[in-house]
N, C-alpha and C. Protein backbone atom coordinates (compact mmCIF):
# COMPACT_ATOMS: atom_id res chain seq x y z
N MET A 1 -9.04 60.69 132.22
CA MET A 1 -9.45 62.03 132.12
C MET A 1 -8.14 63.04 132.21
N GLY A 2 -6.85 62.60 132.22
CA GLY A 2 -5.70 63.20 132.07
C GLY A 2 -5.10 63.50 133.45
N VAL A 3 -3.97 64.21 133.37
CA VAL A 3 -3.29 64.65 134.63
C VAL A 3 -4.02 65.70 135.24
N LYS A 4 -4.15 65.62 136.89
CA LYS A 4 -4.79 66.32 137.59
C LYS A 4 -3.74 67.53 138.15
N LEU A 5 -4.04 68.74 137.87
CA LEU A 5 -3.09 69.83 138.11
C LEU A 5 -3.63 70.46 139.52
N THR A 6 -2.84 70.62 140.37
CA THR A 6 -3.09 71.33 141.66
C THR A 6 -2.21 72.44 141.87
N ILE A 7 -2.11 73.20 140.98
CA ILE A 7 -1.12 74.44 141.17
C ILE A 7 -1.83 75.53 141.60
N MET A 8 -2.93 75.83 141.32
CA MET A 8 -3.65 77.13 141.76
C MET A 8 -3.84 76.95 143.32
N GLU A 9 -3.68 78.02 144.06
CA GLU A 9 -4.09 78.07 145.45
C GLU A 9 -5.37 78.80 145.74
N LYS A 10 -5.83 79.78 145.06
CA LYS A 10 -7.06 80.50 145.22
C LYS A 10 -7.42 81.44 144.07
N LEU A 11 -8.64 81.77 144.02
CA LEU A 11 -8.83 82.87 143.13
C LEU A 11 -8.47 84.04 143.69
N GLU A 12 -7.59 84.81 142.96
CA GLU A 12 -6.83 86.03 143.43
C GLU A 12 -7.80 87.21 143.13
N HIS A 13 -8.24 87.18 142.00
CA HIS A 13 -9.06 88.53 141.53
C HIS A 13 -9.84 88.02 140.11
N ILE A 14 -10.84 88.94 140.11
CA ILE A 14 -11.51 88.90 138.64
C ILE A 14 -11.24 90.16 137.95
N GLY A 15 -10.83 90.18 136.79
CA GLY A 15 -10.47 91.32 136.06
C GLY A 15 -11.64 91.64 135.22
N ILE A 16 -12.08 92.96 135.29
CA ILE A 16 -13.25 93.48 134.43
C ILE A 16 -12.82 94.58 133.49
N ALA A 17 -12.96 94.56 132.37
CA ALA A 17 -12.60 95.59 131.35
C ALA A 17 -13.69 96.75 131.37
N VAL A 18 -13.20 97.99 131.40
CA VAL A 18 -14.18 98.97 131.50
C VAL A 18 -13.67 100.21 130.61
N LYS A 19 -14.57 100.93 130.07
CA LYS A 19 -14.14 102.00 129.31
C LYS A 19 -13.89 103.23 130.07
N ASN A 20 -14.28 103.52 131.24
CA ASN A 20 -14.18 104.71 131.94
C ASN A 20 -13.83 104.24 133.46
N LEU A 21 -12.65 104.25 133.83
CA LEU A 21 -12.36 103.81 135.17
C LEU A 21 -12.92 104.50 136.35
N ASP A 22 -13.18 106.02 136.10
CA ASP A 22 -13.66 106.70 137.15
C ASP A 22 -15.02 106.52 137.46
N GLN A 23 -15.91 106.41 136.15
CA GLN A 23 -17.32 105.91 136.31
C GLN A 23 -17.47 104.55 136.93
N ALA A 24 -16.58 103.63 136.35
CA ALA A 24 -16.74 102.10 137.06
C ALA A 24 -16.46 102.10 138.57
N ASN A 25 -15.40 102.98 138.94
CA ASN A 25 -15.27 103.13 140.35
C ASN A 25 -16.28 103.59 141.15
N ALA A 26 -16.99 104.48 140.82
CA ALA A 26 -18.21 104.96 141.43
C ALA A 26 -19.22 103.98 141.46
N ALA A 27 -19.58 103.28 140.25
CA ALA A 27 -20.60 102.24 140.35
C ALA A 27 -20.26 100.98 141.19
N PHE A 28 -18.89 100.67 141.28
CA PHE A 28 -18.58 99.59 141.92
C PHE A 28 -18.64 99.89 143.40
N ALA A 29 -18.06 101.18 143.91
CA ALA A 29 -18.10 101.75 145.30
C ALA A 29 -19.58 101.67 145.76
N LYS A 30 -20.52 101.98 144.98
CA LYS A 30 -21.97 102.02 145.33
C LYS A 30 -22.45 100.61 145.38
N LEU A 31 -22.14 99.71 144.50
CA LEU A 31 -22.58 98.41 144.40
C LEU A 31 -21.98 97.60 145.64
N LEU A 32 -20.76 97.83 145.99
CA LEU A 32 -20.16 97.01 146.93
C LEU A 32 -20.06 97.59 148.32
N GLY A 33 -20.36 98.91 148.49
CA GLY A 33 -20.56 99.46 149.61
C GLY A 33 -19.23 99.83 150.31
N ARG A 34 -18.17 100.01 149.36
CA ARG A 34 -16.75 100.35 149.83
C ARG A 34 -15.93 100.99 148.72
N GLU A 35 -15.10 101.68 148.96
CA GLU A 35 -14.14 102.43 148.08
C GLU A 35 -13.05 101.42 147.48
N HIS A 36 -12.56 101.77 146.34
CA HIS A 36 -11.51 101.05 145.93
C HIS A 36 -10.15 101.30 146.90
N TYR A 37 -9.22 100.46 146.95
CA TYR A 37 -8.17 100.61 147.91
C TYR A 37 -6.82 101.03 147.03
N LYS A 38 -6.82 100.94 145.73
CA LYS A 38 -5.71 101.36 144.97
C LYS A 38 -5.87 101.64 143.35
N ILE A 39 -5.39 102.55 142.99
CA ILE A 39 -5.22 102.66 141.46
C ILE A 39 -3.86 102.83 141.01
N GLU A 40 -3.67 102.13 139.99
CA GLU A 40 -2.18 101.81 139.50
C GLU A 40 -2.05 101.79 137.93
N GLU A 41 -0.93 102.38 137.26
CA GLU A 41 -0.87 102.07 135.94
C GLU A 41 0.05 100.95 135.65
N VAL A 42 -0.18 100.03 134.74
CA VAL A 42 0.62 98.91 134.42
C VAL A 42 1.13 99.37 132.95
N GLU A 43 2.15 99.83 132.65
CA GLU A 43 2.53 100.16 131.35
C GLU A 43 2.64 98.91 130.48
N SER A 44 3.24 97.83 131.06
CA SER A 44 3.42 96.60 130.05
C SER A 44 2.19 96.14 129.49
N GLU A 45 1.04 96.39 130.12
CA GLU A 45 -0.24 95.90 129.75
C GLU A 45 -0.84 96.96 129.19
N GLY A 46 -0.58 98.31 129.15
CA GLY A 46 -1.32 99.50 128.64
C GLY A 46 -2.63 99.83 129.36
N VAL A 47 -2.61 99.61 130.67
CA VAL A 47 -3.92 99.87 131.46
C VAL A 47 -3.73 100.58 132.71
N ARG A 48 -4.65 101.23 133.17
CA ARG A 48 -5.02 101.81 134.57
C ARG A 48 -5.88 100.94 135.30
N THR A 49 -5.49 100.45 136.44
CA THR A 49 -6.22 99.47 137.20
C THR A 49 -6.69 100.02 138.35
N SER A 50 -7.75 99.48 138.83
CA SER A 50 -8.24 99.89 140.27
C SER A 50 -8.78 98.73 140.87
N PHE A 51 -8.47 98.45 142.14
CA PHE A 51 -8.84 97.36 143.12
C PHE A 51 -9.75 97.64 144.14
N PHE A 52 -10.79 96.77 144.19
CA PHE A 52 -11.73 96.57 145.30
C PHE A 52 -11.41 95.32 146.01
N GLU A 53 -11.75 94.97 147.13
CA GLU A 53 -11.57 93.77 147.88
C GLU A 53 -12.93 93.49 148.62
N ILE A 54 -13.37 92.25 148.45
CA ILE A 54 -14.59 91.77 149.15
C ILE A 54 -14.55 90.15 149.33
N GLY A 55 -14.69 89.86 150.62
CA GLY A 55 -14.72 88.51 150.81
C GLY A 55 -13.54 87.78 150.52
N GLY A 56 -12.47 88.32 150.76
CA GLY A 56 -11.13 87.68 150.28
C GLY A 56 -10.61 87.41 148.86
N VAL A 57 -11.62 88.22 147.92
CA VAL A 57 -11.55 88.20 146.53
C VAL A 57 -11.37 89.66 146.19
N LYS A 58 -10.40 89.86 145.06
CA LYS A 58 -10.26 91.23 144.59
C LYS A 58 -11.07 91.22 143.34
N ILE A 59 -11.63 92.45 143.01
CA ILE A 59 -11.97 92.82 141.68
C ILE A 59 -10.99 93.89 141.14
N GLU A 60 -10.52 93.52 140.02
CA GLU A 60 -9.73 94.58 139.31
C GLU A 60 -10.33 95.09 138.12
N LEU A 61 -10.67 96.30 138.08
CA LEU A 61 -11.30 97.33 137.05
C LEU A 61 -10.03 97.56 136.09
N LEU A 62 -10.18 97.30 134.83
CA LEU A 62 -9.05 97.74 133.86
C LEU A 62 -9.52 98.71 132.88
N GLU A 63 -8.88 99.79 132.76
CA GLU A 63 -9.19 100.63 131.66
C GLU A 63 -7.93 100.95 130.79
N ALA A 64 -8.06 100.81 129.50
CA ALA A 64 -6.99 100.80 128.45
C ALA A 64 -6.52 102.26 128.61
N ASN A 65 -5.27 102.44 128.74
CA ASN A 65 -4.74 103.82 128.51
C ASN A 65 -3.87 104.04 127.18
N ARG A 66 -3.82 103.01 126.19
CA ARG A 66 -3.42 103.15 124.86
C ARG A 66 -4.35 102.21 123.91
N GLY A 67 -4.40 102.71 122.74
CA GLY A 67 -5.51 101.98 121.71
C GLY A 67 -4.93 100.70 121.36
N ASP A 68 -3.64 100.25 121.67
CA ASP A 68 -3.26 98.86 121.07
C ASP A 68 -3.01 97.95 122.38
N SER A 69 -3.47 98.21 123.51
CA SER A 69 -3.50 97.40 124.52
C SER A 69 -4.40 96.14 124.33
N PRO A 70 -3.98 95.04 125.08
CA PRO A 70 -5.08 94.03 125.04
C PRO A 70 -6.41 94.30 125.56
N VAL A 71 -6.53 95.11 126.63
CA VAL A 71 -7.89 95.58 127.21
C VAL A 71 -8.64 96.32 126.09
N ALA A 72 -7.96 97.24 125.33
CA ALA A 72 -8.62 98.00 124.39
C ALA A 72 -9.12 97.25 123.25
N ARG A 73 -8.49 96.16 122.94
CA ARG A 73 -8.76 95.26 121.80
C ARG A 73 -10.07 94.43 122.30
N PHE A 74 -10.05 94.06 123.65
CA PHE A 74 -11.15 93.30 124.22
C PHE A 74 -12.35 93.96 124.10
N ILE A 75 -12.27 95.21 124.57
CA ILE A 75 -13.45 96.07 124.68
C ILE A 75 -14.03 96.30 123.30
N GLU A 76 -13.06 96.65 122.34
CA GLU A 76 -13.60 96.88 120.92
C GLU A 76 -14.17 95.62 120.36
N LYS A 77 -13.77 94.39 120.67
CA LYS A 77 -14.36 93.30 120.15
C LYS A 77 -15.70 92.68 120.80
N ARG A 78 -15.54 92.92 122.16
CA ARG A 78 -16.66 92.25 123.15
C ARG A 78 -17.27 93.20 123.81
N GLY A 79 -16.78 94.45 124.02
CA GLY A 79 -17.51 95.40 124.81
C GLY A 79 -16.92 95.18 126.42
N GLU A 80 -17.53 96.00 127.28
CA GLU A 80 -17.10 95.88 128.64
C GLU A 80 -17.70 94.60 129.37
N GLY A 81 -16.72 94.12 130.24
CA GLY A 81 -17.26 92.79 131.01
C GLY A 81 -16.00 92.25 131.62
N ILE A 82 -16.37 90.96 132.10
CA ILE A 82 -15.11 90.07 132.53
C ILE A 82 -14.16 89.80 131.53
N HIS A 83 -12.91 90.12 131.89
CA HIS A 83 -11.89 89.96 131.08
C HIS A 83 -11.06 88.83 131.36
N HIS A 84 -10.77 88.48 132.78
CA HIS A 84 -10.01 87.37 133.06
C HIS A 84 -10.37 86.93 134.50
N LEU A 85 -9.67 85.76 134.65
CA LEU A 85 -9.85 85.25 136.22
C LEU A 85 -8.32 85.01 136.43
N ALA A 86 -8.07 85.59 137.49
CA ALA A 86 -6.70 85.37 138.08
C ALA A 86 -6.65 84.43 139.21
N PHE A 87 -5.66 83.65 139.20
CA PHE A 87 -5.31 82.73 140.15
C PHE A 87 -3.96 82.72 140.82
N GLN A 88 -3.90 82.64 142.10
CA GLN A 88 -2.52 82.63 142.95
C GLN A 88 -1.83 81.28 142.66
N VAL A 89 -0.63 81.26 142.50
CA VAL A 89 0.35 80.26 142.47
C VAL A 89 1.50 80.43 143.26
N LYS A 90 2.11 79.30 143.57
CA LYS A 90 3.42 79.32 144.56
C LYS A 90 4.59 79.80 143.88
N ASN A 91 4.64 79.11 142.64
CA ASN A 91 5.95 79.31 141.72
C ASN A 91 5.37 79.51 140.37
N ILE A 92 5.19 80.86 139.92
CA ILE A 92 4.85 81.02 138.57
C ILE A 92 5.55 80.56 137.56
N SER A 93 6.84 80.56 137.36
CA SER A 93 7.80 80.05 136.44
C SER A 93 7.52 78.70 136.27
N GLN A 94 7.49 77.83 137.49
CA GLN A 94 7.34 76.41 137.47
C GLN A 94 5.85 75.99 136.89
N SER A 95 4.74 76.81 137.48
CA SER A 95 3.46 76.65 137.06
C SER A 95 3.38 76.83 135.51
N LEU A 96 3.90 77.84 134.87
CA LEU A 96 3.76 78.02 133.48
C LEU A 96 4.48 76.87 132.75
N GLU A 97 5.36 76.15 133.19
CA GLU A 97 6.01 75.05 132.54
C GLU A 97 5.07 73.94 132.69
N THR A 98 4.56 73.78 133.80
CA THR A 98 3.59 72.62 134.02
C THR A 98 2.42 72.66 133.17
N TYR A 99 1.88 73.88 133.11
CA TYR A 99 0.65 74.05 132.33
C TYR A 99 0.97 73.79 130.76
N ARG A 100 2.16 74.14 130.23
CA ARG A 100 2.62 74.01 128.89
C ARG A 100 2.72 72.62 128.68
N GLN A 101 3.44 71.85 129.48
CA GLN A 101 3.72 70.43 129.47
C GLN A 101 2.16 69.67 129.34
N ALA A 102 1.16 70.25 129.94
CA ALA A 102 -0.07 69.60 130.22
C ALA A 102 -0.99 69.99 129.01
N GLY A 103 -0.45 70.88 128.12
CA GLY A 103 -1.11 71.23 126.64
C GLY A 103 -1.70 72.36 126.62
N PHE A 104 -1.49 73.15 127.61
CA PHE A 104 -2.36 74.74 127.76
C PHE A 104 -1.20 75.54 126.87
N GLU A 105 -1.98 76.54 126.05
CA GLU A 105 -1.22 77.44 125.43
C GLU A 105 -0.92 78.81 126.33
N THR A 106 0.24 79.20 126.44
CA THR A 106 0.67 80.27 127.15
C THR A 106 0.71 81.54 126.29
N ILE A 107 0.24 82.88 126.75
CA ILE A 107 0.54 84.01 126.10
C ILE A 107 1.84 84.50 126.16
N ASN A 108 2.52 84.43 127.35
CA ASN A 108 3.75 84.93 127.47
C ASN A 108 4.59 83.86 128.15
N ASP A 109 5.80 83.54 127.65
CA ASP A 109 6.65 82.48 128.35
C ASP A 109 7.26 82.71 129.57
N THR A 110 7.41 83.99 129.81
CA THR A 110 8.01 84.40 131.17
C THR A 110 7.34 85.42 131.94
N PRO A 111 7.20 85.29 133.19
CA PRO A 111 6.32 86.18 133.99
C PRO A 111 6.80 87.59 133.97
N LYS A 112 5.98 88.61 134.06
CA LYS A 112 6.30 89.93 133.93
C LYS A 112 5.57 90.70 135.16
N ARG A 113 5.96 91.95 135.58
CA ARG A 113 5.29 92.69 136.63
C ARG A 113 4.00 92.96 136.21
N GLY A 114 3.13 92.77 137.02
CA GLY A 114 1.66 93.28 136.89
C GLY A 114 1.43 94.20 137.99
N ALA A 115 0.00 94.35 138.21
CA ALA A 115 -0.45 95.28 139.11
C ALA A 115 -0.38 94.78 140.48
N ASP A 116 -0.58 95.44 141.65
CA ASP A 116 -0.77 95.08 142.91
C ASP A 116 0.31 94.27 143.50
N GLY A 117 1.47 94.49 142.98
CA GLY A 117 2.87 93.78 143.54
C GLY A 117 2.77 92.31 143.21
N LYS A 118 2.28 92.02 141.93
CA LYS A 118 2.28 90.66 141.31
C LYS A 118 3.27 90.52 140.19
N MET A 119 3.82 89.35 140.18
CA MET A 119 4.35 88.89 138.68
C MET A 119 3.22 88.00 138.09
N ILE A 120 2.99 88.27 136.86
CA ILE A 120 1.94 87.80 136.21
C ILE A 120 2.28 86.87 134.85
N SER A 121 1.27 86.14 134.39
CA SER A 121 1.51 85.35 133.13
C SER A 121 -0.03 85.00 132.72
N PHE A 122 -0.09 84.54 131.40
CA PHE A 122 -1.44 84.25 131.15
C PHE A 122 -1.45 82.91 130.24
N LEU A 123 -2.55 82.25 130.44
CA LEU A 123 -3.04 80.96 129.70
C LEU A 123 -3.88 81.43 128.70
N HIS A 124 -3.75 81.07 127.36
CA HIS A 124 -4.48 81.57 126.12
C HIS A 124 -5.96 81.05 126.32
N PRO A 125 -7.00 81.75 126.10
CA PRO A 125 -8.45 81.33 126.14
C PRO A 125 -8.50 80.06 125.25
N LYS A 126 -7.93 80.04 124.04
CA LYS A 126 -8.23 78.97 123.16
C LYS A 126 -7.85 77.61 123.70
N SER A 127 -7.08 77.52 124.97
CA SER A 127 -6.76 76.34 125.57
C SER A 127 -7.61 76.15 126.82
N THR A 128 -8.38 77.22 127.24
CA THR A 128 -8.90 77.26 128.50
C THR A 128 -10.40 77.33 128.48
N GLY A 129 -11.24 77.00 127.31
CA GLY A 129 -12.53 77.04 127.21
C GLY A 129 -13.26 78.55 127.07
N GLY A 130 -12.20 79.29 126.47
CA GLY A 130 -12.59 80.65 126.11
C GLY A 130 -12.52 81.68 127.20
N VAL A 131 -11.87 81.31 128.24
CA VAL A 131 -11.63 82.13 129.36
C VAL A 131 -10.07 82.43 129.58
N LEU A 132 -9.70 83.87 129.50
CA LEU A 132 -8.45 84.33 129.75
C LEU A 132 -8.17 84.04 131.24
N ILE A 133 -6.95 83.29 131.54
CA ILE A 133 -6.43 82.83 132.84
C ILE A 133 -5.16 83.48 133.07
N GLU A 134 -5.05 84.34 134.28
CA GLU A 134 -4.01 85.10 134.51
C GLU A 134 -3.38 83.96 135.87
N LEU A 135 -2.20 83.84 135.80
CA LEU A 135 -1.43 83.27 136.98
C LEU A 135 -0.79 84.34 137.63
N CYS A 136 -0.66 84.55 139.00
CA CYS A 136 -0.05 85.40 139.66
C CYS A 136 0.70 84.93 140.89
N GLU A 137 1.81 85.71 141.20
CA GLU A 137 2.63 85.45 142.29
C GLU A 137 3.14 86.61 142.96
N ASP A 138 2.99 86.61 144.12
CA ASP A 138 3.56 87.97 145.02
C ASP A 138 4.90 88.06 144.39
N ALA A 139 5.25 89.33 143.97
CA ALA A 139 6.64 89.72 143.49
C ALA A 139 7.71 89.47 144.45
N THR A 140 7.57 89.74 145.65
CA THR A 140 8.40 89.48 146.72
C THR A 140 8.82 88.26 146.76
N SER A 141 7.81 87.11 146.63
CA SER A 141 8.17 85.71 146.60
C SER A 141 9.00 85.42 145.41
N PHE A 142 8.74 85.88 144.27
CA PHE A 142 9.33 85.63 142.90
C PHE A 142 10.93 86.20 143.07
N SER A 143 11.08 87.40 143.61
CA SER A 143 12.56 87.89 143.52
C SER A 143 13.22 87.21 144.60
N SER A 144 12.67 86.55 145.69
CA SER A 144 13.53 85.95 146.85
C SER A 144 14.15 84.65 146.21
N ARG A 145 13.86 84.02 144.98
CA ARG A 145 14.14 82.84 144.72
C ARG A 145 15.63 82.98 143.78
């Protein structure tokens, strides 16, 4: 069956691509019975994000703030919906290398700053059964190495 990888610690969040963040925030607040706890711009990804927390897992709503962003392309191709699953790891740089060695294709070779105080990197859906996988690590842990 191959190498067993035990790098992922937990599901950190589910990313959902939306056309209108304000409308999606209102819908999810009504759906979940709670307000979002943060709105943040992530220039490197060309998105404005909003976070909800429920049961120890976060829901990240992503609205493209420029037409060439990955989220804008996703919505154009597939419409609104689940964009990615994000998993917390202890050492994102080491995790990326381990996944590459195990045959997974990465989208970016080095971690970059993402939303909610995280360093992030992605595994390409071509190598993960069609699901975009985000690896994330708290930026404070990353910078202390």
